[in-house]
C-alpha atoms as a PDB file:
ATOM      1  CA  MET A   1      -3.010  14.117  12.190  1.00  0.00           C
ATOM      2  CA  ARG A   2       0.099  15.845  10.972  1.00  0.00           C
ATOM      3  CA  ALA A   3      -0.417  18.271   8.083  1.00  0.00           C
ATOM      4  CA  ARG A   4       2.017  18.605   5.205  1.00  0.00           C
ATOM      5  CA  THR A   5       3.796  21.956   4.913  1.00  0.00           C
ATOM      6  CA  VAL A   6       5.745  23.623   2.129  1.00  0.00           C
ATOM      7  CA  THR A   7       9.498  22.958   2.206  1.00  0.00           C
ATOM      8  CA  GLY A   8      10.335  24.476  -1.171  1.00  0.00           C
ATOM      9  CA  ILE A   9       8.780  26.396  -4.065  1.00  0.00           C
ATOM     10  CA  HIS A  10      10.091  25.865  -7.580  1.00  0.00           C
ATOM     11  CA  PRO A  11       9.261  28.064 -10.594  1.00  0.00           C
ATOM     12  CA  ALA A  12       8.346  26.639 -13.963  1.00  0.00           C
ATOM     13  CA  LEU A  13      11.119  27.759 -16.284  1.00  0.00           C
ATOM     14  CA  ARG A  14      10.218  29.013 -19.756  1.00  0.00           C
ATOM     15  CA  ASP A  15      11.365  26.636 -22.500  1.00  0.00           C
ATOM     16  CA  ASP A  16       9.294  27.292 -25.614  1.00  0.00           C
ATOM     17  CA  ILE A  17       9.075  24.677 -28.360  1.00  0.00           C
ATOM     18  CA  GLY A  18       8.882  26.677 -31.577  1.00  0.00           C
ATOM     19  CA  ASP A  19       5.809  28.897 -31.265  1.00  0.00           C
ATOM     20  CA  LEU A  20       4.399  26.759 -28.438  1.00  0.00           C
ATOM     21  CA  ILE A  21       4.670  28.534 -25.079  1.00  0.00           C
ATOM     22  CA  THR A  22       6.112  25.972 -22.667  1.00  0.00           C
ATOM     23  CA  ARG A  23       7.008  26.139 -18.981  1.00  0.00           C
ATOM     24  CA  ARG A  24       8.650  23.281 -17.089  1.00  0.00           C
ATOM     25  CA  PRO A  25       8.688  23.116 -13.265  1.00  0.00           C
ATOM     26  CA  LEU A  26       9.920  19.530 -13.126  1.00  0.00           C
ATOM     27  CA  PRO A  27      12.733  18.698 -13.445  1.00  0.00           C
ATOM     28  CA  GLY A  28      14.284  22.004 -12.492  1.00  0.00           C
ATOM     29  CA  PRO A  29      17.621  23.433 -11.313  1.00  0.00           C
ATOM     30  CA  ARG A  30      16.937  22.561  -7.658  1.00  0.00           C
ATOM     31  CA  ILE A  31      14.700  19.514  -8.012  1.00  0.00           C
ATOM     32  CA  GLY A  32      14.996  16.392 -10.132  1.00  0.00           C
ATOM     33  CA  ASN A  33      11.786  14.512  -9.419  1.00  0.00           C
ATOM     34  CA  ILE A  34       9.219  14.017  -6.672  1.00  0.00           C
ATOM     35  CA  GLY A  35       9.233  10.262  -6.292  1.00  0.00           C
ATOM     36  CA  ALA A  36       7.213   8.794  -9.137  1.00  0.00           C
ATOM     37  CA  PHE A  37       6.441  12.276 -10.528  1.00  0.00           C
ATOM     38  CA  LEU A  38       9.196  12.779 -13.076  1.00  0.00           C
ATOM     39  CA  PHE A  39       8.347  15.598 -15.450  1.00  0.00           C
ATOM     40  CA  LEU A  40       5.740  18.272 -16.117  1.00  0.00           C
ATOM     41  CA  ASN A  41       5.337  20.461 -19.188  1.00  0.00           C
ATOM     42  CA  HIS A  42       2.817  23.307 -19.072  1.00  0.00           C
ATOM     43  CA  HIS A  43       1.946  24.319 -22.645  1.00  0.00           C
ATOM     44  CA  GLY A  44       0.178  27.647 -23.075  1.00  0.00           C
ATOM     45  CA  PRO A  45      -2.058  29.354 -22.268  1.00  0.00           C
ATOM     46  CA  GLN A  46      -2.097  30.923 -25.691  1.00  0.00           C
ATOM     47  CA  THR A  47      -4.419  31.499 -28.621  1.00  0.00           C
ATOM     48  CA  TYR A  48      -3.607  30.038 -32.014  1.00  0.00           C
ATOM     49  CA  PRO A  49      -4.696  32.002 -35.115  1.00  0.00           C
ATOM     50  CA  PRO A  50      -6.630  30.432 -37.983  1.00  0.00           C
ATOM     51  CA  GLY A  51      -4.399  28.539 -40.360  1.00  0.00           C
ATOM     52  CA  ASN A  52      -1.896  27.497 -37.664  1.00  0.00           C
ATOM     53  CA  ARG A  53       0.475  24.524 -37.728  1.00  0.00           C
ATOM     54  CA  GLY A  54      -0.833  23.103 -34.458  1.00  0.00           C
ATOM     55  CA  LEU A  55       1.100  21.216 -31.840  1.00  0.00           C
ATOM     56  CA  PRO A  56       4.547  19.924 -32.872  1.00  0.00           C
ATOM     57  CA  PHE A  57       4.495  16.473 -31.245  1.00  0.00           C
ATOM     58  CA  GLY A  58       4.605  14.135 -34.223  1.00  0.00           C
ATOM     59  CA  PRO A  59       5.408  10.413 -33.858  1.00  0.00           C
ATOM     60  CA  HIS A  60       7.963   9.712 -31.115  1.00  0.00           C
ATOM     61  CA  PRO A  61       8.749   6.732 -28.834  1.00  0.00           C
ATOM     62  CA  HIS A  62       8.491   6.091 -25.082  1.00  0.00           C
ATOM     63  CA  ARG A  63       9.324   3.204 -22.764  1.00  0.00           C
ATOM     64  CA  GLY A  64       9.241   2.593 -19.021  1.00  0.00           C
ATOM     65  CA  PHE A  65       6.727   5.153 -17.733  1.00  0.00           C
ATOM     66  CA  GLU A  66       3.299   6.729 -18.231  1.00  0.00           C
ATOM     67  CA  THR A  67       2.144  10.063 -19.647  1.00  0.00           C
ATOM     68  CA  VAL A  68      -0.948  11.848 -18.355  1.00  0.00           C
ATOM     69  CA  THR A  69      -2.132  14.785 -20.443  1.00  0.00           C
ATOM     70  CA  PHE A  70      -4.682  17.290 -19.143  1.00  0.00           C
ATOM     71  CA  ILE A  71      -6.429  19.336 -21.846  1.00  0.00           C
ATOM     72  CA  LEU A  72      -7.518  22.513 -20.064  1.00  0.00           C
ATOM     73  CA  GLU A  73      -8.315  24.359 -23.296  1.00  0.00           C
ATOM     74  CA  GLY A  74      -8.301  23.347 -26.941  1.00  0.00           C
ATOM     75  CA  GLU A  75      -8.216  19.847 -28.422  1.00  0.00           C
ATOM     76  CA  LEU A  76      -5.627  17.090 -28.730  1.00  0.00           C
ATOM     77  CA  ALA A  77      -5.532  14.266 -31.274  1.00  0.00           C
ATOM     78  CA  HIS A  78      -3.765  11.046 -30.240  1.00  0.00           C
ATOM     79  CA  THR A  79      -2.633   8.094 -32.351  1.00  0.00           C
ATOM     80  CA  ASP A  80      -0.187   5.342 -31.377  1.00  0.00           C
ATOM     81  CA  SER A  81       1.462   2.156 -32.586  1.00  0.00           C
ATOM     82  CA  ALA A  82      -0.839   0.029 -30.419  1.00  0.00           C
ATOM     83  CA  GLY A  83      -3.809   1.096 -32.529  1.00  0.00           C
ATOM     84  CA  HIS A  84      -5.384   3.712 -30.249  1.00  0.00           C
ATOM     85  CA  GLU A  85      -6.857   6.864 -31.729  1.00  0.00           C
ATOM     86  CA  SER A  86      -8.856   9.699 -30.187  1.00  0.00           C
ATOM     87  CA  ILE A  87      -9.549  13.428 -30.117  1.00  0.00           C
ATOM     88  CA  ILE A  88      -9.898  14.705 -26.552  1.00  0.00           C
ATOM     89  CA  ARG A  89     -11.435  18.125 -25.974  1.00  0.00           C
ATOM     90  CA  ALA A  90     -11.233  20.749 -23.241  1.00  0.00           C
ATOM     91  CA  GLY A  91     -11.744  19.297 -19.776  1.00  0.00           C
ATOM     92  CA  GLY A  92     -10.640  15.813 -20.806  1.00  0.00           C
ATOM     93  CA  VAL A  93      -7.556  13.750 -20.127  1.00  0.00           C
ATOM     94  CA  GLN A  94      -5.345  11.179 -21.860  1.00  0.00           C
ATOM     95  CA  TRP A  95      -3.523   8.498 -19.854  1.00  0.00           C
ATOM     96  CA  MET A  96      -0.992   6.429 -21.770  1.00  0.00           C
ATOM     97  CA  THR A  97       1.123   3.617 -20.356  1.00  0.00           C
ATOM     98  CA  ALA A  98       4.195   3.393 -22.577  1.00  0.00           C
ATOM     99  CA  GLY A  99       5.353   0.256 -20.789  1.00  0.00           C
ATOM    100  CA  SER A 100       7.481  -1.988 -23.009  1.00  0.00           C
ATOM    101  CA  GLY A 101       7.479   0.535 -25.813  1.00  0.00           C
ATOM    102  CA  ILE A 102       5.141   2.619 -27.927  1.00  0.00           C
ATOM    103  CA  VAL A 103       5.272   5.278 -30.613  1.00  0.00           C
ATOM    104  CA  HIS A 104       2.634   7.967 -30.360  1.00  0.00           C
ATOM    105  CA  ALA A 105       1.719  11.332 -31.828  1.00  0.00           C
ATOM    106  CA  GLU A 106      -0.027  14.206 -30.054  1.00  0.00           C
ATOM    107  CA  VAL A 107      -1.101  16.835 -32.549  1.00  0.00           C
ATOM    108  CA  SER A 108      -3.857  19.345 -33.143  1.00  0.00           C
ATOM    109  CA  PRO A 109      -6.949  18.150 -35.056  1.00  0.00           C
ATOM    110  CA  ALA A 110      -7.490  19.509 -38.537  1.00  0.00           C
ATOM    111  CA  ALA A 111     -10.375  21.752 -37.387  1.00  0.00           C
ATOM    112  CA  PHE A 112      -8.188  23.410 -34.743  1.00  0.00           C
ATOM    113  CA  LYS A 113      -5.437  24.100 -37.261  1.00  0.00           C
ATOM    114  CA  ARG A 114      -7.997  25.549 -39.632  1.00  0.00           C
ATOM    115  CA  ASP A 115      -9.948  27.689 -37.161  1.00  0.00           C
ATOM    116  CA  GLY A 116      -7.462  28.316 -34.340  1.00  0.00           C
ATOM    117  CA  GLY A 117      -8.487  28.910 -30.741  1.00  0.00           C
ATOM    118  CA  ALA A 118      -7.368  28.825 -27.128  1.00  0.00           C
ATOM    119  CA  MET A 119      -4.941  26.119 -26.030  1.00  0.00           C
ATOM    120  CA  GLU A 120      -3.589  25.095 -22.622  1.00  0.00           C
ATOM    121  CA  ILE A 121      -2.281  21.590 -21.875  1.00  0.00           C
ATOM    122  CA  LEU A 122      -0.409  19.983 -18.986  1.00  0.00           C
ATOM    123  CA  GLN A 123       1.574  16.786 -19.516  1.00  0.00           C
ATOM    124  CA  LEU A 124       2.851  14.818 -16.534  1.00  0.00           C
ATOM    125  CA  TRP A 125       5.211  11.828 -16.637  1.00  0.00           C
ATOM    126  CA  LEU A 126       4.748   9.084 -14.032  1.00  0.00           C
ATOM    127  CA  ASN A 127       7.431   6.526 -13.340  1.00  0.00           C
ATOM    128  CA  LEU A 128       6.767   2.785 -13.326  1.00  0.00           C
ATOM    129  CA  PRO A 129       8.551   0.288 -11.055  1.00  0.00           C
ATOM    130  CA  ALA A 130      10.893  -2.240 -12.650  1.00  0.00           C
ATOM    131  CA  LEU A 131       8.221  -4.958 -12.500  1.00  0.00           C
ATOM    132  CA  LEU A 132       5.914  -2.855 -14.704  1.00  0.00           C
ATOM    133  CA  LYS A 133       8.339  -1.114 -17.036  1.00  0.00           C
ATOM    134  CA  MET A 134       7.866  -3.796 -19.698  1.00  0.00           C
ATOM    135  CA  THR A 135       4.113  -4.128 -19.246  1.00  0.00           C
ATOM    136  CA  PRO A 136       2.071  -4.035 -22.483  1.00  0.00           C
ATOM    137  CA  PRO A 137       1.238  -0.481 -23.602  1.00  0.00           C
ATOM    138  CA  ARG A 138      -2.247   0.826 -22.933  1.00  0.00           C
ATOM    139  CA  TYR A 139      -4.194   4.045 -23.505  1.00  0.00           C
ATOM    140  CA  PHE A 140      -7.298   5.616 -22.007  1.00  0.00           C
ATOM    141  CA  GLY A 141      -8.890   8.845 -23.192  1.00  0.00           C
ATOM    142  CA  ALA A 142     -11.672  10.466 -21.167  1.00  0.00           C
ATOM    143  CA  GLN A 143     -13.774  13.430 -22.249  1.00  0.00           C
ATOM    144  CA  ALA A 144     -14.860  15.982 -19.661  1.00  0.00           C
ATOM    145  CA  ASP A 145     -18.270  14.362 -19.136  1.00  0.00           C
ATOM    146  CA  ALA A 146     -16.627  11.079 -18.056  1.00  0.00           C
ATOM    147  CA  ILE A 147     -14.637  12.733 -15.265  1.00  0.00           C
ATOM    148  CA  PRO A 148     -16.382  13.058 -11.869  1.00  0.00           C
ATOM    149  CA  MET A 149     -16.588  16.597 -10.498  1.00  0.00           C
ATOM    150  CA  VAL A 150     -16.673  16.647  -6.706  1.00  0.00           C
ATOM    151  CA  SER A 151     -17.621  19.793  -4.770  1.00  0.00           C
ATOM    152  CA  ALA A 152     -15.245  20.692  -1.934  1.00  0.00           C
ATOM    153  CA  ARG A 153     -15.791  23.962   0.001  1.00  0.00           C
ATOM    154  CA  GLY A 154     -15.750  26.436  -2.878  1.00  0.00           C
ATOM    155  CA  ALA A 155     -13.816  24.213  -5.284  1.00  0.00           C
ATOM    156  CA  THR A 156     -14.449  21.509  -7.860  1.00  0.00           C
ATOM    157  CA  VAL A 157     -12.213  18.447  -7.815  1.00  0.00           C
ATOM    158  CA  HIS A 158     -11.901  16.873 -11.277  1.00  0.00           C
ATOM    159  CA  LEU A 159     -11.104  13.300 -10.293  1.00  0.00           C
ATOM    160  CA  ILE A 160      -8.949  11.346 -12.749  1.00  0.00           C
ATOM    161  CA  ALA A 161      -7.646   8.369 -10.756  1.00  0.00           C
ATOM    162  CA  GLY A 162      -8.266   7.231  -7.198  1.00  0.00           C
ATOM    163  CA  GLU A 163     -11.060   8.057  -4.771  1.00  0.00           C
ATOM    164  CA  TYR A 164     -12.211  11.308  -3.189  1.00  0.00           C
ATOM    165  CA  ALA A 165     -15.288  12.004  -1.061  1.00  0.00           C
ATOM    166  CA  GLY A 166     -16.967   8.769  -2.158  1.00  0.00           C
ATOM    167  CA  ALA A 167     -16.307   9.267  -5.894  1.00  0.00           C
ATOM    168  CA  ALA A 168     -13.875   7.302  -8.068  1.00  0.00           C
ATOM    169  CA  GLY A 169     -11.926   8.454 -11.082  1.00  0.00           C
ATOM    170  CA  PRO A 170     -12.484   6.735 -14.460  1.00  0.00           C
ATOM    171  CA  ILE A 171      -8.878   5.538 -14.772  1.00  0.00           C
ATOM    172  CA  GLU A 172      -7.486   2.689 -12.699  1.00  0.00           C
ATOM    173  CA  SER A 173      -3.792   3.376 -12.194  1.00  0.00           C
ATOM    174  CA  LEU A 174      -1.453   0.386 -12.382  1.00  0.00           C
ATOM    175  CA  THR A 175       0.427   1.741  -9.364  1.00  0.00           C
ATOM    176  CA  GLY A 176      -2.449   3.151  -7.297  1.00  0.00           C
ATOM    177  CA  THR A 177      -1.601   6.750  -8.142  1.00  0.00           C
ATOM    178  CA  PHE A 178      -4.151   9.425  -7.244  1.00  0.00           C
ATOM    179  CA  LEU A 179      -4.539  12.316  -9.697  1.00  0.00           C
ATOM    180  CA  CYS A 180      -6.907  15.254 -10.031  1.00  0.00           C
ATOM    181  CA  TRP A 181      -7.021  18.892 -10.922  1.00  0.00           C
ATOM    182  CA  VAL A 182      -8.949  21.439  -8.919  1.00  0.00           C
ATOM    183  CA  ASP A 183     -10.844  24.566  -9.979  1.00  0.00           C
ATOM    184  CA  ALA A 184     -11.044  26.798  -6.914  1.00  0.00           C
ATOM    185  CA  GLU A 185     -13.043  29.948  -6.252  1.00  0.00           C
ATOM    186  CA  ALA A 186     -11.630  32.730  -4.108  1.00  0.00           C
ATOM    187  CA  GLY A 187     -11.844  31.611  -0.474  1.00  0.00           C
ATOM    188  CA  ALA A 188     -11.962  27.891  -1.302  1.00  0.00           C
ATOM    189  CA  GLU A 189     -10.267  25.312   0.894  1.00  0.00           C
ATOM    190  CA  VAL A 190      -9.630  21.724  -0.172  1.00  0.00           C
ATOM    191  CA  ARG A 191      -8.340  18.961   2.101  1.00  0.00           C
ATOM    192  CA  PHE A 192      -6.706  15.708   1.068  1.00  0.00           C
ATOM    193  CA  ASP A 193      -6.165  12.800   3.477  1.00  0.00           C
ATOM    194  CA  GLY A 194      -4.362   9.466   3.422  1.00  0.00           C
ATOM    195  CA  LEU A 195      -0.987  10.907   2.439  1.00  0.00           C
ATOM    196  CA  SER A 196       1.219   9.155   4.982  1.00  0.00           C
ATOM    197  CA  GLY A 197       4.257   7.647   3.263  1.00  0.00           C
ATOM    198  CA  ARG A 198       3.175   8.906  -0.176  1.00  0.00           C
ATOM    199  CA  ASP A 199       5.018  11.063  -2.723  1.00  0.00           C
ATOM    200  CA  VAL A 200       2.879  14.199  -3.105  1.00  0.00           C
ATOM    201  CA  PHE A 201       2.725  16.487  -6.147  1.00  0.00           C
ATOM    202  CA  LEU A 202       1.222  20.008  -6.183  1.00  0.00           C
ATOM    203  CA  TYR A 203       1.467  22.518  -9.054  1.00  0.00           C
ATOM    204  CA  CYS A 204      -0.373  25.839  -9.399  1.00  0.00           C
ATOM    205  CA  ALA A 205      -1.365  26.430 -13.019  1.00  0.00           C
ATOM    206  CA  ARG A 206      -3.639  29.472 -12.575  1.00  0.00           C
ATOM    207  CA  GLY A 207      -4.148  32.067  -9.874  1.00  0.00           C
ATOM    208  CA  ALA A 208      -2.424  31.415  -6.554  1.00  0.00           C
ATOM    209  CA  ILE A 209      -2.822  28.956  -3.690  1.00  0.00           C
ATOM    210  CA  GLU A 210      -1.618  28.658  -0.101  1.00  0.00           C
ATOM    211  CA  VAL A 211      -0.502  25.738   2.068  1.00  0.00           C
ATOM    212  CA  GLY A 212      -0.174  26.472   5.777  1.00  0.00           C
ATOM    213  CA  GLY A 213      -0.079  30.188   5.039  1.00  0.00           C
ATOM    214  CA  VAL A 214       2.741  29.824   2.492  1.00  0.00           C
ATOM    215  CA  ALA A 215       1.872  31.232  -0.935  1.00  0.00           C
ATOM    216  CA  VAL A 216       2.403  29.111  -4.038  1.00  0.00           C
ATOM    217  CA  PRO A 217       2.112  31.450  -7.046  1.00  0.00           C
ATOM    218  CA  ARG A 218       0.991  30.650 -10.552  1.00  0.00           C
ATOM    219  CA  PHE A 219       3.483  28.526 -12.537  1.00  0.00           C
ATOM    220  CA  HIS A 220       5.129  27.199  -9.370  1.00  0.00           C
ATOM    221  CA  LEU A 221       5.565  23.695  -7.945  1.00  0.00           C
ATOM    222  CA  ALA A 222       5.346  23.139  -4.185  1.00  0.00           C
ATOM    223  CA  GLN A 223       7.687  20.697  -2.490  1.00  0.00           C
ATOM    224  CA  LEU A 224       6.074  19.332   0.662  1.00  0.00           C
ATOM    225  CA  GLY A 225       7.239  17.789   3.925  1.00  0.00           C
ATOM    226  CA  GLU A 226       5.908  14.604   5.479  1.00  0.00           C
ATOM    227  CA  GLY A 227       2.415  14.287   6.909  1.00  0.00           C
ATOM    228  CA  GLU A 228      -0.949  12.597   6.617  1.00  0.00           C
ATOM    229  CA  THR A 229      -3.076  15.496   5.370  1.00  0.00           C
ATOM    230  CA  LEU A 230      -2.815  18.489   3.060  1.00  0.00           C
ATOM    231  CA  THR A 231      -5.059  21.553   3.004  1.00  0.00           C
ATOM    232  CA  VAL A 232      -4.869  23.846  -0.020  1.00  0.00           C
ATOM    233  CA  ALA A 233      -6.460  27.295   0.248  1.00  0.00           C
ATOM    234  CA  ALA A 234      -7.199  29.654  -2.629  1.00  0.00           C
ATOM    235  CA  PRO A 235      -7.064  33.383  -1.763  1.00  0.00           C
ATOM    236  CA  GLU A 236      -8.084  34.074  -5.378  1.00  0.00           C
ATOM    237  CA  PRO A 237      -9.552  31.962  -8.186  1.00  0.00           C
ATOM    238  CA  ALA A 238      -7.045  29.223  -8.991  1.00  0.00           C
ATOM    239  CA  LEU A 239      -6.465  25.951 -10.786  1.00  0.00           C
ATOM    240  CA  PHE A 240      -3.988  23.422  -9.452  1.00  0.00           C
ATOM    241  CA  LEU A 241      -2.834  19.908 -10.255  1.00  0.00           C
ATOM    242  CA  PHE A 242      -2.577  17.464  -7.347  1.00  0.00           C
ATOM    243  CA  GLY A 243      -1.474  13.866  -7.051  1.00  0.00           C
ATOM    244  CA  HIS A 244       0.102  11.321  -4.761  1.00  0.00           C
ATOM    245  CA  ALA A 245       1.779   7.977  -5.367  1.00  0.00           C
ATOM    246  CA  ALA A 246       3.518   5.146  -3.564  1.00  0.00           C
ATOM    247  CA  PRO A 247       7.306   5.526  -3.410  1.00  0.00           C
ATOM    248  CA  ILE A 248       9.150   3.324  -5.882  1.00  0.00           C
ATOM    249  CA  GLY A 249      12.610   3.447  -4.316  1.00  0.00           C
ATOM    250  CA  GLU A 250      14.529   2.343  -7.415  1.00  0.00           C
ATOM    251  CA  PRO A 251      17.235   4.008  -9.545  1.00  0.00           C
ATOM    252  CA  VAL A 252      15.874   6.368 -12.204  1.00  0.00           C
ATOM    253  CA  VAL A 253      17.888   6.512 -15.424  1.00  0.00           C
ATOM    254  CA  ALA A 254      16.266   8.758 -17.981  1.00  0.00           C
ATOM    255  CA  HIS A 255      17.468   9.697 -21.434  1.00  0.00           C
ATOM    256  CA  GLY A 256      15.317  11.418 -24.009  1.00  0.00           C
ATOM    257  CA  PRO A 257      11.990   9.594 -24.301  1.00  0.00           C
ATOM    258  CA  PHE A 258      12.931   6.589 -22.146  1.00  0.00           C
ATOM    259  CA  VAL A 259      12.928   6.096 -18.353  1.00  0.00           C
ATOM    260  CA  MET A 260      14.496   2.906 -17.042  1.00  0.00           C
ATOM    261  CA  ASN A 261      16.570   1.656 -14.086  1.00  0.00           C
ATOM    262  CA  THR A 262      19.986   1.240 -15.742  1.00  0.00           C
ATOM    263  CA  ALA A 263      22.014   2.730 -18.586  1.00  0.00           C
ATOM    264  CA  GLU A 264      22.064  -0.691 -20.261  1.00  0.00           C
ATOM    265  CA  GLU A 265      18.253  -0.695 -20.363  1.00  0.00           C
ATOM    266  CA  ILE A 266      18.313   2.742 -21.990  1.00  0.00           C
ATOM    267  CA  HIS A 267      20.706   1.484 -24.677  1.00  0.00           C
ATOM    268  CA  GLN A 268      18.390  -1.487 -25.272  1.00  0.00           C
ATOM    269  CA  ALA A 269      15.381   0.823 -25.584  1.00  0.00           C
ATOM    270  CA  TYR A 270      17.112   2.819 -28.321  1.00  0.00           C
ATOM    271  CA  ALA A 271      18.159  -0.374 -30.081  1.00  0.00           C
ATOM    272  CA  ASP A 272      14.629  -1.793 -29.953  1.00  0.00           C
ATOM    273  CA  TYR A 273      13.109   1.441 -31.241  1.00  0.00           C
ATOM    274  CA  GLN A 274      15.615   1.751 -34.083  1.00  0.00           C
ATOM    275  CA  ALA A 275      14.930  -1.877 -35.025  1.00  0.00           C
ATOM    276  CA  GLY A 276      11.227  -1.044 -35.396  1.00  0.00           C
ATOM    277  CA  ARG A 277      10.084  -3.112 -32.414  1.00  0.00           C
ATOM    278  CA  PHE A 278       7.873  -0.290 -31.089  1.00  0.00           C
ATOM    279  CA  GLY A 279       5.767  -0.211 -34.258  1.00  0.00           C
ATOM    280  CA  VAL A 280       4.565   2.859 -36.146  1.00  0.00           C
ATOM    281  CA  ALA A 281       2.087   5.623 -35.330  1.00  0.00           C
ATOM    282  CA  GLU A 282       0.470   7.330 -38.275  1.00  0.00           C
ATOM    283  CA  ILE A 283      -1.033  10.811 -37.998  1.00  0.00           C
ATOM    284  CA  VAL A 284      -4.656  10.769 -39.141  1.00  0.00           C
ATOM    285  CA  GLU A 285      -6.019  14.164 -40.204  1.00  0.00           C
ATOM    286  CA  ARG A 286      -9.525  14.683 -38.775  1.00  0.00           C
END
């Protein structure tokens, strides 16, 4: 079977949001998206002092795609206009389908703002095909103990969606997307199969990894060629985000918080939001 190799390496560019350390590998100057994988923000790592203001993501709208948020350190409080509410802690994940339109808030819980602490969060945007862009919004929050941890030759695969080594992630993707993050010890080697014809996403968040002898440093995204398998080696302790998805093959028109297929659909999204058709998300202090 043909193995995927690295065809490009893209750094995450620093783009802080107030006092929130933020790096963004996707989109970047030399890459717009990797198929269904549209956008990644890497917030932190950093330590907030006691009496902080917390994360700055108050109520804001989305339509036409999904957000997947990985809480590596810290806590994240979610509320949305569809009535969902949760506080997800370190090791957990939030998966929100914006679909036809939703307003949500992602902020720090009251205890975190009071006491401070370590914080590191990854948020990934996943595109939806035209047939699903107006699907009803949905939300799933999973704490760390609900996420299968699969051992793989010196590494632990935290399985979010899809199947790996006989285990299944707790979230059933509408589009059959596979997503996980991997904690790897020095000398670890992790293999992924079934990648033929799939869009493949690989980002190194900590340490460094290698694919086919090519180094992918911390805060870098790897662009990969075609193939059926991928083997990721870790010459040092590392953490990386990995996913693959079916190609959508449709126009992507993105503006602000909306991702649609045409400019007219973007204009309609703004009109619907401004008319209050997305509802309201209230921040609940807990």
